[in-house]
């Protein structure tokens, strides 16, 4: 550690936070609460990027030129944690902020009320299995996917591949809808099926854009368009966007918390304990411990808290208490 830190002063005067784009609302809410609670602190520096890039940036090293905290819609992988370790980021703290969900949505007034993962896969996949081979997907209306669906053209708007919302959509919807198709299993081994199941048609029926732009794009779209958005974005739409029941279950705070709604995800916060100031005042920056503790406080993550107001579903009381204990002790992640 540089001599200046050894003398009991910090090397930077404000927190540096990286966040995945799909967790922006959560990060903004936590930062606002932190500033309101500690009026003397400088507003943290924030960077928004894709999930992989945010965690890579967090794991790049230790010191004043690297981030202190990362907020992510995906849990850090073992490989990413190993990369952290190899770059000297040896003291990583992980807390869980609450549960979010990916929602299949349409514009208000659209006639698509419910879909299955199998139907979405069938509508959006580039190729479909037939007679032990793959053929180009030429289905053009939802009624050709399911007899209960409208005769409107198949269209979809999805976040690009740089964020957790898209990753969860691929895992649960595309791969989930493809996994049990007997014709697919007959053609490919599981290791080869995954990319095949998640490859989208490229005939203009599927549009990819940044996660932040998906709601507006859906509002401007014609009937029959579905989109993958976060539960928070659904609430922010003020009723202009409506959820589509997935496999018979509508997303709600109750179905997300119970796990009945399948497309749920946990939001995570990672912090470098090496950056937090010690009792002697040695550290990279002031506020790491305070920010982590504040992020899992009842005022933020409890029922009626600030995160609940933007669409995050609180954990049960015992689980919230466990996260507060991790934050107060800055307990290191063990994986």
C-alpha atoms as a PDB file:
ATOM      1  CA  UNK A   1       0.000   0.000   0.000  1.00  0.00           C
ATOM      2  CA  UNK A   2       1.364   3.496  -0.816  1.00  0.00           C
ATOM      3  CA  UNK A   3       2.909   5.487   2.023  1.00  0.00           C
ATOM      4  CA  UNK A   4       0.076   8.022   2.035  1.00  0.00           C
ATOM      5  CA  UNK A   5      -2.411   5.330   3.046  1.00  0.00           C
ATOM      6  CA  UNK A   6      -0.048   3.988   5.681  1.00  0.00           C
ATOM      7  CA  UNK A   7      -0.043   7.429   7.288  1.00  0.00           C
ATOM      8  CA  UNK A   8      -3.771   7.115   7.964  1.00  0.00           C
ATOM      9  CA  UNK A   9      -5.311   9.047   5.076  1.00  0.00           C
ATOM     10  CA  UNK A  10      -7.415   7.852   2.195  1.00  0.00           C
ATOM     11  CA  UNK A  11      -6.337   7.942  -1.446  1.00  0.00           C
ATOM     12  CA  UNK A  12      -9.661   9.014  -2.943  1.00  0.00           C
ATOM     13  CA  UNK A  13     -12.430  11.221  -1.612  1.00  0.00           C
ATOM     14  CA  UNK A  14     -15.507   9.569  -3.146  1.00  0.00           C
ATOM     15  CA  UNK A  15     -16.771   6.098  -3.914  1.00  0.00           C
ATOM     16  CA  UNK A  16     -16.412   4.583  -7.369  1.00  0.00           C
ATOM     17  CA  UNK A  17     -19.283   2.252  -8.338  1.00  0.00           C
ATOM     18  CA  UNK A  18     -19.741   0.144 -11.473  1.00  0.00           C
ATOM     19  CA  UNK A  19     -23.201  -1.182 -12.286  1.00  0.00           C
ATOM     20  CA  UNK A  20     -24.825  -3.313 -14.906  1.00  0.00           C
ATOM     21  CA  UNK A  21     -27.198  -1.300 -17.086  1.00  0.00           C
ATOM     22  CA  UNK A  22     -30.135  -3.490 -16.080  1.00  0.00           C
ATOM     23  CA  UNK A  23     -29.460  -2.664 -12.406  1.00  0.00           C
ATOM     24  CA  UNK A  24     -29.270   1.082 -13.005  1.00  0.00           C
ATOM     25  CA  UNK A  25     -32.496   1.880 -11.171  1.00  0.00           C
ATOM     26  CA  UNK A  26     -31.314  -0.074  -8.131  1.00  0.00           C
ATOM     27  CA  UNK A  27     -27.882   1.580  -8.180  1.00  0.00           C
ATOM     28  CA  UNK A  28     -29.339   5.081  -8.581  1.00  0.00           C
ATOM     29  CA  UNK A  29     -31.713   4.432  -5.664  1.00  0.00           C
ATOM     30  CA  UNK A  30     -28.922   3.192  -3.391  1.00  0.00           C
ATOM     31  CA  UNK A  31     -26.715   6.148  -4.258  1.00  0.00           C
ATOM     32  CA  UNK A  32     -29.520   8.639  -3.617  1.00  0.00           C
ATOM     33  CA  UNK A  33     -30.254   7.052  -0.235  1.00  0.00           C
ATOM     34  CA  UNK A  34     -26.559   7.080   0.658  1.00  0.00           C
ATOM     35  CA  UNK A  35     -26.174  10.763  -0.190  1.00  0.00           C
ATOM     36  CA  UNK A  36     -29.299  11.659   1.783  1.00  0.00           C
ATOM     37  CA  UNK A  37     -28.091   9.760   4.819  1.00  0.00           C
ATOM     38  CA  UNK A  38     -24.529  11.081   4.774  1.00  0.00           C
ATOM     39  CA  UNK A  39     -24.906  14.676   3.720  1.00  0.00           C
ATOM     40  CA  UNK A  40     -21.176  15.378   3.904  1.00  0.00           C
ATOM     41  CA  UNK A  41     -20.131  12.772   1.320  1.00  0.00           C
ATOM     42  CA  UNK A  42     -19.406  13.539  -2.302  1.00  0.00           C
ATOM     43  CA  UNK A  43     -21.736  11.823  -4.783  1.00  0.00           C
ATOM     44  CA  UNK A  44     -20.131   8.546  -5.887  1.00  0.00           C
ATOM     45  CA  UNK A  45     -18.699   8.230  -9.354  1.00  0.00           C
ATOM     46  CA  UNK A  46     -20.853   5.764 -11.325  1.00  0.00           C
ATOM     47  CA  UNK A  47     -20.216   3.791 -14.506  1.00  0.00           C
ATOM     48  CA  UNK A  48     -22.879   1.762 -16.318  1.00  0.00           C
ATOM     49  CA  UNK A  49     -22.012  -1.189 -18.546  1.00  0.00           C
ATOM     50  CA  UNK A  50     -22.898  -4.802 -19.329  1.00  0.00           C
ATOM     51  CA  UNK A  51     -22.805  -7.516 -16.663  1.00  0.00           C
ATOM     52  CA  UNK A  52     -19.566  -9.146 -17.765  1.00  0.00           C
ATOM     53  CA  UNK A  53     -17.831  -5.800 -18.278  1.00  0.00           C
ATOM     54  CA  UNK A  54     -18.909  -4.461 -14.863  1.00  0.00           C
ATOM     55  CA  UNK A  55     -17.564  -7.459 -12.966  1.00  0.00           C
ATOM     56  CA  UNK A  56     -14.407  -7.492 -15.082  1.00  0.00           C
ATOM     57  CA  UNK A  57     -13.856  -3.822 -14.239  1.00  0.00           C
ATOM     58  CA  UNK A  58     -14.447  -4.526 -10.548  1.00  0.00           C
ATOM     59  CA  UNK A  59     -11.926  -7.388 -10.622  1.00  0.00           C
ATOM     60  CA  UNK A  60      -9.238  -5.430 -12.498  1.00  0.00           C
ATOM     61  CA  UNK A  61      -7.202  -4.674  -9.371  1.00  0.00           C
ATOM     62  CA  UNK A  62      -6.926  -2.855  -6.066  1.00  0.00           C
ATOM     63  CA  UNK A  63      -6.209   0.832  -5.549  1.00  0.00           C
ATOM     64  CA  UNK A  64      -7.589   4.314  -6.198  1.00  0.00           C
ATOM     65  CA  UNK A  65      -7.899   3.787  -9.960  1.00  0.00           C
ATOM     66  CA  UNK A  66     -10.229   0.794  -9.608  1.00  0.00           C
ATOM     67  CA  UNK A  67     -13.887   0.567  -8.508  1.00  0.00           C
ATOM     68  CA  UNK A  68     -14.858  -0.038  -4.893  1.00  0.00           C
ATOM     69  CA  UNK A  69     -18.317  -1.507  -5.482  1.00  0.00           C
ATOM     70  CA  UNK A  70     -20.186  -3.364  -8.239  1.00  0.00           C
ATOM     71  CA  UNK A  71     -23.956  -3.826  -8.525  1.00  0.00           C
ATOM     72  CA  UNK A  72     -24.991  -6.697 -10.784  1.00  0.00           C
ATOM     73  CA  UNK A  73     -28.033  -8.617 -11.969  1.00  0.00           C
ATOM     74  CA  UNK A  74     -25.841 -11.718 -12.242  1.00  0.00           C
ATOM     75  CA  UNK A  75     -23.835 -13.453  -9.544  1.00  0.00           C
ATOM     76  CA  UNK A  76     -20.094 -13.344  -9.967  1.00  0.00           C
ATOM     77  CA  UNK A  77     -18.879 -16.618 -11.459  1.00  0.00           C
ATOM     78  CA  UNK A  78     -16.109 -18.774 -10.073  1.00  0.00           C
ATOM     79  CA  UNK A  79     -13.964 -17.853 -13.086  1.00  0.00           C
ATOM     80  CA  UNK A  80     -14.525 -14.136 -12.458  1.00  0.00           C
ATOM     81  CA  UNK A  81     -13.735 -14.574  -8.775  1.00  0.00           C
ATOM     82  CA  UNK A  82     -10.517 -16.361  -9.720  1.00  0.00           C
ATOM     83  CA  UNK A  83      -9.687 -13.430 -11.989  1.00  0.00           C
ATOM     84  CA  UNK A  84     -10.276 -11.095  -9.049  1.00  0.00           C
ATOM     85  CA  UNK A  85      -7.873 -13.131  -6.949  1.00  0.00           C
ATOM     86  CA  UNK A  86      -5.194 -13.164  -9.652  1.00  0.00           C
ATOM     87  CA  UNK A  87      -5.420  -9.357  -9.861  1.00  0.00           C
ATOM     88  CA  UNK A  88      -5.008  -8.931  -6.104  1.00  0.00           C
ATOM     89  CA  UNK A  89      -8.700  -8.449  -5.300  1.00  0.00           C
ATOM     90  CA  UNK A  90      -8.639 -11.019  -2.528  1.00  0.00           C
ATOM     91  CA  UNK A  91     -11.224  -9.630  -0.080  1.00  0.00           C
ATOM     92  CA  UNK A  92     -14.574  -9.576  -1.872  1.00  0.00           C
ATOM     93  CA  UNK A  93     -17.829  -9.049   0.035  1.00  0.00           C
ATOM     94  CA  UNK A  94     -21.126 -10.169  -1.510  1.00  0.00           C
ATOM     95  CA  UNK A  95     -24.575  -9.095  -0.336  1.00  0.00           C
ATOM     96  CA  UNK A  96     -27.938  -9.873  -1.903  1.00  0.00           C
ATOM     97  CA  UNK A  97     -30.219  -6.879  -2.367  1.00  0.00           C
ATOM     98  CA  UNK A  98     -33.515  -8.512  -3.265  1.00  0.00           C
ATOM     99  CA  UNK A  99     -35.291 -10.247  -6.120  1.00  0.00           C
ATOM    100  CA  UNK A 100     -36.149  -8.867  -9.506  1.00  0.00           C
ATOM    101  CA  UNK A 101     -37.777 -10.508 -12.494  1.00  0.00           C
ATOM    102  CA  UNK A 102     -37.666 -10.503 -16.259  1.00  0.00           C
ATOM    103  CA  UNK A 103     -41.131  -9.852 -17.655  1.00  0.00           C
ATOM    104  CA  UNK A 104     -42.564 -10.676 -21.055  1.00  0.00           C
ATOM    105  CA  UNK A 105     -44.620  -7.578 -21.810  1.00  0.00           C
ATOM    106  CA  UNK A 106     -46.864  -6.074 -24.484  1.00  0.00           C
ATOM    107  CA  UNK A 107     -48.474  -2.699 -24.999  1.00  0.00           C
ATOM    108  CA  UNK A 108     -51.698  -2.124 -23.098  1.00  0.00           C
ATOM    109  CA  UNK A 109     -54.619  -3.352 -25.186  1.00  0.00           C
ATOM    110  CA  UNK A 110     -52.672  -6.031 -27.040  1.00  0.00           C
ATOM    111  CA  UNK A 111     -54.465  -9.355 -27.429  1.00  0.00           C
ATOM    112  CA  UNK A 112     -51.577 -11.575 -26.284  1.00  0.00           C
ATOM    113  CA  UNK A 113     -52.451 -12.421 -22.682  1.00  0.00           C
ATOM    114  CA  UNK A 114     -50.338 -15.521 -22.108  1.00  0.00           C
ATOM    115  CA  UNK A 115     -47.495 -17.484 -23.664  1.00  0.00           C
ATOM    116  CA  UNK A 116     -45.436 -20.525 -22.843  1.00  0.00           C
ATOM    117  CA  UNK A 117     -41.669 -20.680 -23.050  1.00  0.00           C
ATOM    118  CA  UNK A 118     -42.109 -23.279 -25.807  1.00  0.00           C
ATOM    119  CA  UNK A 119     -44.246 -20.869 -27.841  1.00  0.00           C
ATOM    120  CA  UNK A 120     -41.751 -18.004 -27.472  1.00  0.00           C
ATOM    121  CA  UNK A 121     -38.866 -20.265 -28.487  1.00  0.00           C
ATOM    122  CA  UNK A 122     -40.871 -21.488 -31.487  1.00  0.00           C
ATOM    123  CA  UNK A 123     -41.688 -17.927 -32.540  1.00  0.00           C
ATOM    124  CA  UNK A 124     -38.217 -16.421 -32.152  1.00  0.00           C
ATOM    125  CA  UNK A 125     -35.647 -19.150 -32.854  1.00  0.00           C
ATOM    126  CA  UNK A 126     -33.672 -18.840 -36.084  1.00  0.00           C
ATOM    127  CA  UNK A 127     -34.121 -22.538 -36.908  1.00  0.00           C
ATOM    128  CA  UNK A 128     -36.652 -25.148 -35.871  1.00  0.00           C
ATOM    129  CA  UNK A 129     -36.188 -28.922 -35.725  1.00  0.00           C
ATOM    130  CA  UNK A 130     -38.101 -30.979 -38.259  1.00  0.00           C
ATOM    131  CA  UNK A 131     -37.529 -34.566 -39.393  1.00  0.00           C
ATOM    132  CA  UNK A 132     -34.163 -34.782 -37.595  1.00  0.00           C
ATOM    133  CA  UNK A 133     -32.792 -31.625 -39.205  1.00  0.00           C
ATOM    134  CA  UNK A 134     -33.053 -27.877 -38.671  1.00  0.00           C
ATOM    135  CA  UNK A 135     -34.952 -25.683 -41.100  1.00  0.00           C
ATOM    136  CA  UNK A 136     -35.313 -21.895 -41.292  1.00  0.00           C
ATOM    137  CA  UNK A 137     -38.077 -20.512 -39.103  1.00  0.00           C
ATOM    138  CA  UNK A 138     -40.690 -19.083 -41.465  1.00  0.00           C
ATOM    139  CA  UNK A 139     -43.567 -18.725 -38.992  1.00  0.00           C
ATOM    140  CA  UNK A 140     -44.966 -15.240 -39.523  1.00  0.00           C
ATOM    141  CA  UNK A 141     -47.994 -14.892 -37.222  1.00  0.00           C
ATOM    142  CA  UNK A 142     -48.617 -15.810 -33.598  1.00  0.00           C
ATOM    143  CA  UNK A 143     -51.626 -17.915 -34.624  1.00  0.00           C
ATOM    144  CA  UNK A 144     -49.228 -20.296 -36.395  1.00  0.00           C
ATOM    145  CA  UNK A 145     -47.413 -20.775 -33.080  1.00  0.00           C
ATOM    146  CA  UNK A 146     -50.547 -21.473 -31.040  1.00  0.00           C
ATOM    147  CA  UNK A 147     -54.222 -21.740 -31.972  1.00  0.00           C
ATOM    148  CA  UNK A 148     -55.136 -19.543 -28.987  1.00  0.00           C
ATOM    149  CA  UNK A 149     -52.937 -16.696 -30.187  1.00  0.00           C
ATOM    150  CA  UNK A 150     -53.914 -13.766 -32.455  1.00  0.00           C
ATOM    151  CA  UNK A 151     -53.268 -13.513 -36.167  1.00  0.00           C
ATOM    152  CA  UNK A 152     -50.843 -10.640 -35.685  1.00  0.00           C
ATOM    153  CA  UNK A 153     -47.290 -10.699 -37.058  1.00  0.00           C
ATOM    154  CA  UNK A 154     -44.607 -12.139 -34.783  1.00  0.00           C
ATOM    155  CA  UNK A 155     -42.365  -9.376 -33.482  1.00  0.00           C
ATOM    156  CA  UNK A 156     -40.109  -9.095 -30.436  1.00  0.00           C
ATOM    157  CA  UNK A 157     -37.860  -6.485 -28.847  1.00  0.00           C
ATOM    158  CA  UNK A 158     -35.055  -7.794 -26.650  1.00  0.00           C
ATOM    159  CA  UNK A 159     -32.179  -6.248 -24.713  1.00  0.00           C
ATOM    160  CA  UNK A 160     -28.822  -6.834 -26.356  1.00  0.00           C
ATOM    161  CA  UNK A 161     -26.510  -9.553 -25.065  1.00  0.00           C
ATOM    162  CA  UNK A 162     -24.481  -7.315 -22.748  1.00  0.00           C
ATOM    163  CA  UNK A 163     -26.828  -7.410 -19.747  1.00  0.00           C
ATOM    164  CA  UNK A 164     -28.413  -9.730 -17.230  1.00  0.00           C
ATOM    165  CA  UNK A 165     -31.988  -9.276 -18.482  1.00  0.00           C
ATOM    166  CA  UNK A 166     -31.061 -10.819 -21.820  1.00  0.00           C
ATOM    167  CA  UNK A 167     -29.022 -13.570 -20.182  1.00  0.00           C
ATOM    168  CA  UNK A 168     -31.978 -14.588 -18.030  1.00  0.00           C
ATOM    169  CA  UNK A 169     -34.298 -14.464 -21.039  1.00  0.00           C
ATOM    170  CA  UNK A 170     -31.955 -16.764 -22.957  1.00  0.00           C
ATOM    171  CA  UNK A 171     -31.573 -19.176 -20.038  1.00  0.00           C
ATOM    172  CA  UNK A 172     -35.187 -19.459 -18.934  1.00  0.00           C
ATOM    173  CA  UNK A 173     -37.212 -18.686 -22.053  1.00  0.00           C
ATOM    174  CA  UNK A 174     -35.244 -19.638 -25.141  1.00  0.00           C
ATOM    175  CA  UNK A 175     -33.269 -22.523 -23.700  1.00  0.00           C
ATOM    176  CA  UNK A 176     -36.121 -23.484 -21.390  1.00  0.00           C
ATOM    177  CA  UNK A 177     -38.568 -23.613 -24.295  1.00  0.00           C
ATOM    178  CA  UNK A 178     -36.152 -25.607 -26.426  1.00  0.00           C
ATOM    179  CA  UNK A 179     -34.811 -28.013 -23.802  1.00  0.00           C
ATOM    180  CA  UNK A 180     -37.639 -30.536 -23.912  1.00  0.00           C
ATOM    181  CA  UNK A 181     -38.248 -30.529 -27.658  1.00  0.00           C
ATOM    182  CA  UNK A 182     -37.730 -34.170 -28.580  1.00  0.00           C
ATOM    183  CA  UNK A 183     -36.739 -33.364 -32.157  1.00  0.00           C
ATOM    184  CA  UNK A 184     -33.967 -31.071 -30.895  1.00  0.00           C
ATOM    185  CA  UNK A 185     -32.621 -33.710 -28.508  1.00  0.00           C
ATOM    186  CA  UNK A 186     -32.416 -36.195 -31.365  1.00  0.00           C
ATOM    187  CA  UNK A 187     -30.185 -33.882 -33.391  1.00  0.00           C
ATOM    188  CA  UNK A 188     -27.707 -32.363 -30.959  1.00  0.00           C
ATOM    189  CA  UNK A 189     -25.887 -33.143 -27.746  1.00  0.00           C
ATOM    190  CA  UNK A 190     -26.716 -30.827 -24.826  1.00  0.00           C
ATOM    191  CA  UNK A 191     -23.436 -28.886 -25.144  1.00  0.00           C
ATOM    192  CA  UNK A 192     -24.272 -27.996 -28.740  1.00  0.00           C
ATOM    193  CA  UNK A 193     -27.989 -27.400 -28.175  1.00  0.00           C
ATOM    194  CA  UNK A 194     -27.573 -24.326 -25.993  1.00  0.00           C
ATOM    195  CA  UNK A 195     -26.240 -21.922 -28.667  1.00  0.00           C
ATOM    196  CA  UNK A 196     -28.662 -23.398 -31.188  1.00  0.00           C
ATOM    197  CA  UNK A 197     -31.620 -22.850 -28.871  1.00  0.00           C
ATOM    198  CA  UNK A 198     -30.695 -19.233 -28.142  1.00  0.00           C
ATOM    199  CA  UNK A 199     -29.880 -18.118 -31.707  1.00  0.00           C
ATOM    200  CA  UNK A 200     -32.582 -15.687 -32.816  1.00  0.00           C
ATOM    201  CA  UNK A 201     -34.135 -15.354 -36.231  1.00  0.00           C
ATOM    202  CA  UNK A 202     -32.563 -12.652 -38.382  1.00  0.00           C
ATOM    203  CA  UNK A 203     -35.401 -11.779 -40.737  1.00  0.00           C
ATOM    204  CA  UNK A 204     -36.290  -8.502 -39.027  1.00  0.00           C
ATOM    205  CA  UNK A 205     -38.886  -9.933 -36.656  1.00  0.00           C
ATOM    206  CA  UNK A 206     -36.579  -9.659 -33.618  1.00  0.00           C
ATOM    207  CA  UNK A 207     -35.051  -6.315 -32.711  1.00  0.00           C
ATOM    208  CA  UNK A 208     -32.202  -5.996 -30.234  1.00  0.00           C
ATOM    209  CA  UNK A 209     -31.482  -2.718 -28.434  1.00  0.00           C
ATOM    210  CA  UNK A 210     -30.063  -1.458 -25.166  1.00  0.00           C
ATOM    211  CA  UNK A 211     -31.980  -2.556 -22.079  1.00  0.00           C
ATOM    212  CA  UNK A 212     -32.891   1.044 -21.221  1.00  0.00           C
ATOM    213  CA  UNK A 213     -34.509   1.608 -24.642  1.00  0.00           C
ATOM    214  CA  UNK A 214     -36.689  -1.510 -24.725  1.00  0.00           C
ATOM    215  CA  UNK A 215     -39.808  -0.037 -22.998  1.00  0.00           C
ATOM    216  CA  UNK A 216     -39.964   2.988 -25.310  1.00  0.00           C
ATOM    217  CA  UNK A 217     -39.403   0.777 -28.346  1.00  0.00           C
ATOM    218  CA  UNK A 218     -42.273  -1.468 -27.242  1.00  0.00           C
ATOM    219  CA  UNK A 219     -44.598   1.515 -26.807  1.00  0.00           C
ATOM    220  CA  UNK A 220     -43.860   2.531 -30.408  1.00  0.00           C
ATOM    221  CA  UNK A 221     -44.345  -0.981 -31.784  1.00  0.00           C
ATOM    222  CA  UNK A 222     -47.322  -2.471 -33.654  1.00  0.00           C
ATOM    223  CA  UNK A 223     -49.762  -5.027 -32.173  1.00  0.00           C
ATOM    224  CA  UNK A 224     -48.329  -8.482 -31.666  1.00  0.00           C
ATOM    225  CA  UNK A 225     -44.975  -7.242 -30.372  1.00  0.00           C
ATOM    226  CA  UNK A 226     -43.599  -8.718 -27.161  1.00  0.00           C
ATOM    227  CA  UNK A 227     -40.562  -7.511 -25.229  1.00  0.00           C
ATOM    228  CA  UNK A 228     -38.355  -8.679 -22.390  1.00  0.00           C
ATOM    229  CA  UNK A 229     -38.152  -6.006 -19.680  1.00  0.00           C
ATOM    230  CA  UNK A 230     -37.454  -5.941 -15.962  1.00  0.00           C
ATOM    231  CA  UNK A 231     -40.215  -5.972 -13.351  1.00  0.00           C
ATOM    232  CA  UNK A 232     -39.039  -2.495 -12.331  1.00  0.00           C
ATOM    233  CA  UNK A 233     -39.477  -1.230 -15.907  1.00  0.00           C
ATOM    234  CA  UNK A 234     -42.984  -2.689 -15.924  1.00  0.00           C
ATOM    235  CA  UNK A 235     -43.902  -0.680 -12.823  1.00  0.00           C
ATOM    236  CA  UNK A 236     -42.249   2.441 -14.229  1.00  0.00           C
ATOM    237  CA  UNK A 237     -44.468   2.261 -17.334  1.00  0.00           C
ATOM    238  CA  UNK A 238     -47.484   3.322 -15.270  1.00  0.00           C
ATOM    239  CA  UNK A 239     -49.728   0.705 -16.841  1.00  0.00           C
ATOM    240  CA  UNK A 240     -48.809   1.494 -20.449  1.00  0.00           C
ATOM    241  CA  UNK A 241     -47.036  -1.865 -20.630  1.00  0.00           C
ATOM    242  CA  UNK A 242     -48.730  -5.006 -19.318  1.00  0.00           C
ATOM    243  CA  UNK A 243     -47.224  -8.363 -18.354  1.00  0.00           C
ATOM    244  CA  UNK A 244     -47.913 -11.528 -20.307  1.00  0.00           C
ATOM    245  CA  UNK A 245     -48.565 -14.636 -18.204  1.00  0.00           C
ATOM    246  CA  UNK A 246     -45.657 -17.033 -18.680  1.00  0.00           C
ATOM    247  CA  UNK A 247     -46.523 -20.728 -18.460  1.00  0.00           C
ATOM    248  CA  UNK A 248     -49.770 -19.656 -16.807  1.00  0.00           C
ATOM    249  CA  UNK A 249     -48.243 -17.394 -14.124  1.00  0.00           C
ATOM    250  CA  UNK A 250     -48.351 -13.586 -14.069  1.00  0.00           C
ATOM    251  CA  UNK A 251     -45.388 -11.775 -12.493  1.00  0.00           C
ATOM    252  CA  UNK A 252     -46.242 -10.039  -9.210  1.00  0.00           C
ATOM    253  CA  UNK A 253     -44.514  -9.339  -5.923  1.00  0.00           C
ATOM    254  CA  UNK A 254     -46.157 -12.499  -4.549  1.00  0.00           C
ATOM    255  CA  UNK A 255     -45.281 -14.855  -7.416  1.00  0.00           C
ATOM    256  CA  UNK A 256     -41.720 -13.509  -7.652  1.00  0.00           C
ATOM    257  CA  UNK A 257     -41.110 -13.895  -3.907  1.00  0.00           C
ATOM    258  CA  UNK A 258     -42.523 -17.433  -3.856  1.00  0.00           C
ATOM    259  CA  UNK A 259     -40.604 -18.565  -6.929  1.00  0.00           C
ATOM    260  CA  UNK A 260     -43.855 -19.492  -8.700  1.00  0.00           C
ATOM    261  CA  UNK A 261     -42.912 -17.043 -11.456  1.00  0.00           C
ATOM    262  CA  UNK A 262     -39.910 -18.618 -13.157  1.00  0.00           C
ATOM    263  CA  UNK A 263     -38.013 -15.631 -14.555  1.00  0.00           C
ATOM    264  CA  UNK A 264     -36.745 -14.347 -11.214  1.00  0.00           C
ATOM    265  CA  UNK A 265     -33.243 -13.161 -10.391  1.00  0.00           C
ATOM    266  CA  UNK A 266     -31.323 -11.942  -7.366  1.00  0.00           C
ATOM    267  CA  UNK A 267     -29.531  -8.614  -7.498  1.00  0.00           C
ATOM    268  CA  UNK A 268     -26.058  -8.558  -5.970  1.00  0.00           C
ATOM    269  CA  UNK A 269     -23.701  -5.957  -4.573  1.00  0.00           C
ATOM    270  CA  UNK A 270     -19.941  -6.624  -4.421  1.00  0.00           C
ATOM    271  CA  UNK A 271     -17.459  -4.580  -2.415  1.00  0.00           C
ATOM    272  CA  UNK A 272     -13.686  -4.662  -1.912  1.00  0.00           C
ATOM    273  CA  UNK A 273     -12.939  -4.917   1.781  1.00  0.00           C
ATOM    274  CA  UNK A 274      -9.373  -3.902   0.899  1.00  0.00           C
ATOM    275  CA  UNK A 275     -10.714  -0.479  -0.078  1.00  0.00           C
ATOM    276  CA  UNK A 276     -12.594   0.090   3.177  1.00  0.00           C
ATOM    277  CA  UNK A 277     -10.903   2.231   5.824  1.00  0.00           C
ATOM    278  CA  UNK A 278      -9.643   0.476   8.908  1.00  0.00           C
ATOM    279  CA  UNK A 279     -10.080   1.748  12.478  1.00  0.00           C
ATOM    280  CA  UNK A 280      -6.733   3.490  12.031  1.00  0.00           C
ATOM    281  CA  UNK A 281      -8.096   5.357   8.994  1.00  0.00           C
ATOM    282  CA  UNK A 282      -6.054   3.402   6.458  1.00  0.00           C
ATOM    283  CA  UNK A 283      -7.838   2.611   3.203  1.00  0.00           C
ATOM    284  CA  UNK A 284      -8.437   3.591  -0.375  1.00  0.00           C
ATOM    285  CA  UNK A 285     -11.688   5.474   0.148  1.00  0.00           C
ATOM    286  CA  UNK A 286     -14.155   6.436   2.834  1.00  0.00           C
ATOM    287  CA  UNK A 287     -17.677   5.009   2.798  1.00  0.00           C
ATOM    288  CA  UNK A 288     -17.374   1.423   1.536  1.00  0.00           C
ATOM    289  CA  UNK A 289     -18.603  -0.128   4.776  1.00  0.00           C
ATOM    290  CA  UNK A 290     -21.328   2.498   5.182  1.00  0.00           C
ATOM    291  CA  UNK A 291     -22.592   2.046   1.616  1.00  0.00           C
ATOM    292  CA  UNK A 292     -22.761  -1.747   1.928  1.00  0.00           C
ATOM    293  CA  UNK A 293     -24.615  -1.561   5.260  1.00  0.00           C
ATOM    294  CA  UNK A 294     -27.012   1.044   3.915  1.00  0.00           C
ATOM    295  CA  UNK A 295     -27.746  -1.034   0.790  1.00  0.00           C
ATOM    296  CA  UNK A 296     -29.303  -3.861   2.827  1.00  0.00           C
ATOM    297  CA  UNK A 297     -30.983  -1.695   5.463  1.00  0.00           C
ATOM    298  CA  UNK A 298     -34.709  -2.043   6.031  1.00  0.00           C
ATOM    299  CA  UNK A 299     -35.114   1.488   4.686  1.00  0.00           C
ATOM    300  CA  UNK A 300     -33.845   0.251   1.332  1.00  0.00           C
ATOM    301  CA  UNK A 301     -34.494  -3.481   1.084  1.00  0.00           C
ATOM    302  CA  UNK A 302     -37.340  -4.060   3.527  1.00  0.00           C
ATOM    303  CA  UNK A 303     -41.076  -4.070   2.777  1.00  0.00           C
ATOM    304  CA  UNK A 304     -42.034  -0.573   1.711  1.00  0.00           C
ATOM    305  CA  UNK A 305     -38.351   0.359   1.290  1.00  0.00           C
ATOM    306  CA  UNK A 306     -36.830   2.439  -1.472  1.00  0.00           C
ATOM    307  CA  UNK A 307     -35.873  -0.609  -3.551  1.00  0.00           C
ATOM    308  CA  UNK A 308     -39.362  -2.073  -3.206  1.00  0.00           C
ATOM    309  CA  UNK A 309     -40.760   1.153  -4.624  1.00  0.00           C
ATOM    310  CA  UNK A 310     -38.839   0.623  -7.876  1.00  0.00           C
ATOM    311  CA  UNK A 311     -39.838  -3.021  -8.296  1.00  0.00           C
ATOM    312  CA  UNK A 312     -37.408  -5.101  -6.243  1.00  0.00           C
ATOM    313  CA  UNK A 313     -39.140  -7.778  -4.159  1.00  0.00           C
ATOM    314  CA  UNK A 314     -37.857  -8.036  -0.550  1.00  0.00           C
ATOM    315  CA  UNK A 315     -36.481 -11.272   0.863  1.00  0.00           C
ATOM    316  CA  UNK A 316     -38.159 -12.861   3.914  1.00  0.00           C
ATOM    317  CA  UNK A 317     -37.151 -11.274   7.235  1.00  0.00           C
ATOM    318  CA  UNK A 318     -34.595 -13.944   8.201  1.00  0.00           C
ATOM    319  CA  UNK A 319     -32.802 -13.672   4.873  1.00  0.00           C
ATOM    320  CA  UNK A 320     -32.716  -9.871   5.091  1.00  0.00           C
ATOM    321  CA  UNK A 321     -31.209 -10.168   8.577  1.00  0.00           C
ATOM    322  CA  UNK A 322     -28.529 -12.533   7.250  1.00  0.00           C
ATOM    323  CA  UNK A 323     -27.555 -10.009   4.561  1.00  0.00           C
ATOM    324  CA  UNK A 324     -27.346  -7.202   7.150  1.00  0.00           C
ATOM    325  CA  UNK A 325     -25.016  -9.373   9.243  1.00  0.00           C
ATOM    326  CA  UNK A 326     -22.733  -9.925   6.235  1.00  0.00           C
ATOM    327  CA  UNK A 327     -22.699  -6.176   5.554  1.00  0.00           C
ATOM    328  CA  UNK A 328     -21.941  -5.155   9.137  1.00  0.00           C
ATOM    329  CA  UNK A 329     -19.052  -7.607   9.374  1.00  0.00           C
ATOM    330  CA  UNK A 330     -17.944  -7.231   5.745  1.00  0.00           C
ATOM    331  CA  UNK A 331     -17.854 -11.024   5.614  1.00  0.00           C
ATOM    332  CA  UNK A 332     -15.869 -12.323   2.657  1.00  0.00           C
ATOM    333  CA  UNK A 333     -17.547 -14.349  -0.067  1.00  0.00           C
ATOM    334  CA  UNK A 334     -16.923 -18.095   0.007  1.00  0.00           C
ATOM    335  CA  UNK A 335     -17.472 -20.085  -3.186  1.00  0.00           C
END
